[in-house]
């Protein structure tokens, strides 16, 4: 299936269509589906990460609280959010930067495979992109669904163009609910295949 979104042709595999359908069902809306874009091979990569073990790191505690814990518990996934970590709060205050920026540094410093989920904090994406420019993040996949302001749209586009494996909700659409729906669809799909 091909469609034309944001002036580009988008090819959707059956796996992509299934994920988009699951997101639509979770959100109770089809309005976001045209904005969900997949980098080449990202679904296979995410499935490997979720089934072989990874850190699943969210940008907010709200997003972390909405993750399907039943599905996550059937996979070797460690769920984390560093936004309110005392170290992150302290360093952000000392450096006079956002906690999201320091949380991104902390997330990227975790050993092993990582999936970073950003539903609210484009500053976290900025830090990820800066780290990618310094040295390729070979063990990191990003799900980016921050919504709203022009800076979030531009940051998501820079991520899309960066070469990092990612799922991006392009344009102004997105937010923590969209990020949660994508993550839960991925977790449920991977967990169901483990039966």
Protein backbone atom coordinates (compact mmCIF):
# COMPACT_ATOMS: atom_id res chain seq x y z
CA UNK A 1 0.00 0.00 0.00
CA UNK A 2 1.35 3.42 -0.88
CA UNK A 3 -0.03 6.77 0.20
CA UNK A 4 1.10 10.34 -0.21
CA UNK A 5 1.79 12.06 3.08
CA UNK A 6 3.73 15.25 3.71
CA UNK A 7 4.48 15.41 0.00
CA UNK A 8 6.22 12.02 -0.05
CA UNK A 9 5.17 8.55 -1.07
CA UNK A 10 4.96 6.20 1.88
CA UNK A 11 5.03 2.43 1.37
CA UNK A 12 3.40 0.37 4.11
CA UNK A 13 4.14 -3.30 4.71
CA UNK A 14 1.54 -5.57 6.28
CA UNK A 15 3.37 -5.25 9.63
CA UNK A 16 3.22 -1.46 9.39
CA UNK A 17 -0.49 -1.56 8.54
CA UNK A 18 -1.10 -3.88 11.53
CA UNK A 19 0.73 -1.53 13.88
CA UNK A 20 -1.12 1.52 12.55
CA UNK A 21 -4.44 -0.32 12.95
CA UNK A 22 -3.57 -1.22 16.57
CA UNK A 23 -2.66 2.43 17.25
CA UNK A 24 -5.95 3.60 15.74
CA UNK A 25 -7.86 1.13 17.92
CA UNK A 26 -6.01 2.18 21.08
CA UNK A 27 -6.59 5.87 20.38
CA UNK A 28 -10.11 5.42 19.04
CA UNK A 29 -9.20 7.57 16.06
CA UNK A 30 -7.77 7.21 12.57
CA UNK A 31 -6.58 10.82 12.38
CA UNK A 32 -2.97 10.10 13.34
CA UNK A 33 -2.35 7.15 11.04
CA UNK A 34 -1.24 9.21 8.04
CA UNK A 35 1.48 10.85 10.17
CA UNK A 36 3.16 7.64 11.41
CA UNK A 37 6.35 6.98 9.44
CA UNK A 38 8.80 4.09 9.74
CA UNK A 39 12.48 4.17 8.90
CA UNK A 40 13.73 1.24 6.83
CA UNK A 41 13.83 -1.99 8.83
CA UNK A 42 12.74 -0.38 12.10
CA UNK A 43 9.97 -2.85 12.91
CA UNK A 44 12.31 -5.84 12.61
CA UNK A 45 14.88 -4.02 14.73
CA UNK A 46 12.31 -3.17 17.42
CA UNK A 47 11.04 -6.75 17.46
CA UNK A 48 14.61 -8.03 18.00
CA UNK A 49 15.21 -5.50 20.76
CA UNK A 50 11.98 -6.37 22.55
CA UNK A 51 12.44 -10.14 22.27
CA UNK A 52 16.18 -10.26 23.03
CA UNK A 53 16.14 -7.64 25.78
CA UNK A 54 16.41 -3.89 26.00
CA UNK A 55 15.87 -0.76 28.03
CA UNK A 56 12.56 0.91 27.16
CA UNK A 57 13.04 4.50 28.27
CA UNK A 58 10.22 7.06 28.25
CA UNK A 59 10.53 10.83 28.41
CA UNK A 60 7.86 11.26 31.10
CA UNK A 61 6.45 9.33 34.02
CA UNK A 62 2.97 9.77 32.54
CA UNK A 63 4.01 7.88 29.44
CA UNK A 64 5.77 5.25 31.53
CA UNK A 65 2.61 4.74 33.59
CA UNK A 66 0.56 4.07 30.43
CA UNK A 67 2.79 1.25 29.15
CA UNK A 68 1.02 -2.13 28.98
CA UNK A 69 2.74 -3.79 31.95
CA UNK A 70 1.21 -7.20 31.23
CA UNK A 71 2.73 -7.31 27.75
CA UNK A 72 6.04 -5.83 28.97
CA UNK A 73 6.27 -8.46 31.73
CA UNK A 74 6.29 -11.23 29.10
CA UNK A 75 9.40 -9.74 27.47
CA UNK A 76 12.98 -9.10 28.68
CA UNK A 77 12.33 -5.36 28.83
CA UNK A 78 13.50 -2.98 31.53
CA UNK A 79 11.20 0.04 31.73
CA UNK A 80 12.73 3.35 32.89
CA UNK A 81 12.04 7.06 33.06
CA UNK A 82 14.82 9.30 34.33
CA UNK A 83 12.99 12.64 34.33
CA UNK A 84 12.44 12.73 38.12
CA UNK A 85 15.63 10.88 39.04
CA UNK A 86 17.33 12.92 41.83
CA UNK A 87 20.63 12.95 39.90
CA UNK A 88 18.88 14.28 36.78
CA UNK A 89 17.04 16.97 38.78
CA UNK A 90 20.25 18.06 40.51
CA UNK A 91 22.42 18.18 37.37
CA UNK A 92 19.73 20.00 35.38
CA UNK A 93 19.50 22.63 38.10
CA UNK A 94 23.29 23.02 38.25
CA UNK A 95 23.66 23.31 34.47
CA UNK A 96 20.49 25.41 34.08
CA UNK A 97 19.10 23.13 31.41
CA UNK A 98 15.93 21.08 31.19
CA UNK A 99 15.58 17.77 32.99
CA UNK A 100 14.71 16.21 29.62
CA UNK A 101 18.20 17.04 28.33
CA UNK A 102 19.91 15.41 31.30
CA UNK A 103 17.46 12.49 31.24
CA UNK A 104 18.48 11.91 27.60
CA UNK A 105 22.15 11.85 28.57
CA UNK A 106 21.35 9.38 31.35
CA UNK A 107 19.26 7.23 29.00
CA UNK A 108 21.95 7.10 26.34
CA UNK A 109 24.48 6.14 29.01
CA UNK A 110 22.60 2.95 29.86
CA UNK A 111 24.40 -0.17 28.67
CA UNK A 112 22.99 -2.31 25.92
CA UNK A 113 20.07 -1.98 23.57
CA UNK A 114 17.72 0.98 24.07
CA UNK A 115 14.37 2.15 22.80
CA UNK A 116 13.78 5.83 23.58
CA UNK A 117 10.16 6.94 23.56
CA UNK A 118 9.49 10.66 23.32
CA UNK A 119 5.90 11.82 23.58
CA UNK A 120 6.32 15.21 25.24
CA UNK A 121 9.92 16.43 25.38
CA UNK A 122 11.51 17.53 22.09
CA UNK A 123 14.58 18.65 24.09
CA UNK A 124 15.25 14.96 24.67
CA UNK A 125 15.28 14.43 20.90
CA UNK A 126 17.72 17.36 20.54
CA UNK A 127 20.14 15.62 22.91
CA UNK A 128 19.79 12.32 21.05
CA UNK A 129 20.55 14.04 17.75
CA UNK A 130 23.59 15.77 19.22
CA UNK A 131 24.88 12.44 20.53
CA UNK A 132 24.27 10.83 17.12
CA UNK A 133 26.36 13.54 15.44
CA UNK A 134 29.24 12.88 17.85
CA UNK A 135 29.15 9.10 17.49
CA UNK A 136 26.59 6.78 15.84
CA UNK A 137 24.06 5.39 18.33
CA UNK A 138 24.18 1.82 17.04
CA UNK A 139 22.19 0.37 19.95
CA UNK A 140 19.40 2.97 20.03
CA UNK A 141 15.99 3.14 18.35
CA UNK A 142 13.70 6.15 18.79
CA UNK A 143 9.94 6.47 18.82
CA UNK A 144 9.20 10.18 18.44
CA UNK A 145 5.68 11.52 18.88
CA UNK A 146 6.19 14.91 20.56
CA UNK A 147 3.39 17.21 19.41
CA UNK A 148 2.60 20.84 19.01
CA UNK A 149 5.07 23.64 18.65
CA UNK A 150 7.13 24.31 15.53
CA UNK A 151 10.27 23.28 17.40
CA UNK A 152 8.83 19.79 17.99
CA UNK A 153 7.92 19.45 14.31
CA UNK A 154 11.40 20.57 13.21
CA UNK A 155 13.12 18.29 15.73
CA UNK A 156 11.12 15.28 14.56
CA UNK A 157 12.08 16.08 10.97
CA UNK A 158 15.76 16.27 11.94
CA UNK A 159 15.41 12.87 13.61
CA UNK A 160 13.73 11.49 10.47
CA UNK A 161 16.64 12.76 8.36
CA UNK A 162 19.35 11.63 10.83
CA UNK A 163 19.61 7.98 9.82
CA UNK A 164 18.71 6.78 13.32
CA UNK A 165 16.26 3.86 13.28
CA UNK A 166 12.94 5.41 14.24
CA UNK A 167 9.19 5.60 14.14
CA UNK A 168 8.17 9.25 13.85
CA UNK A 169 4.75 10.81 14.12
CA UNK A 170 5.46 13.58 11.66
CA UNK A 171 3.94 17.05 11.62
CA UNK A 172 2.11 18.63 14.56
CA UNK A 173 0.33 15.39 15.44
CA UNK A 174 1.40 13.16 18.29
CA UNK A 175 1.74 13.50 22.04
CA UNK A 176 2.07 11.04 24.89
CA UNK A 177 -1.11 9.16 23.97
CA UNK A 178 0.20 8.52 20.45
CA UNK A 179 3.58 7.43 21.80
CA UNK A 180 1.90 5.12 24.30
CA UNK A 181 -0.31 3.57 21.61
CA UNK A 182 2.72 2.84 19.40
CA UNK A 183 4.71 1.34 22.27
CA UNK A 184 1.81 -0.79 23.47
CA UNK A 185 1.15 -2.08 19.96
CA UNK A 186 4.82 -3.07 19.63
CA UNK A 187 4.91 -4.70 23.08
CA UNK A 188 1.70 -6.68 22.50
CA UNK A 189 2.81 -7.86 19.09
CA UNK A 190 6.20 -9.03 20.38
CA UNK A 191 4.67 -10.64 23.48
CA UNK A 192 2.05 -12.49 21.41
CA UNK A 193 4.78 -13.99 19.23
CA UNK A 194 6.54 -15.30 22.37
CA UNK A 195 3.61 -17.61 23.26
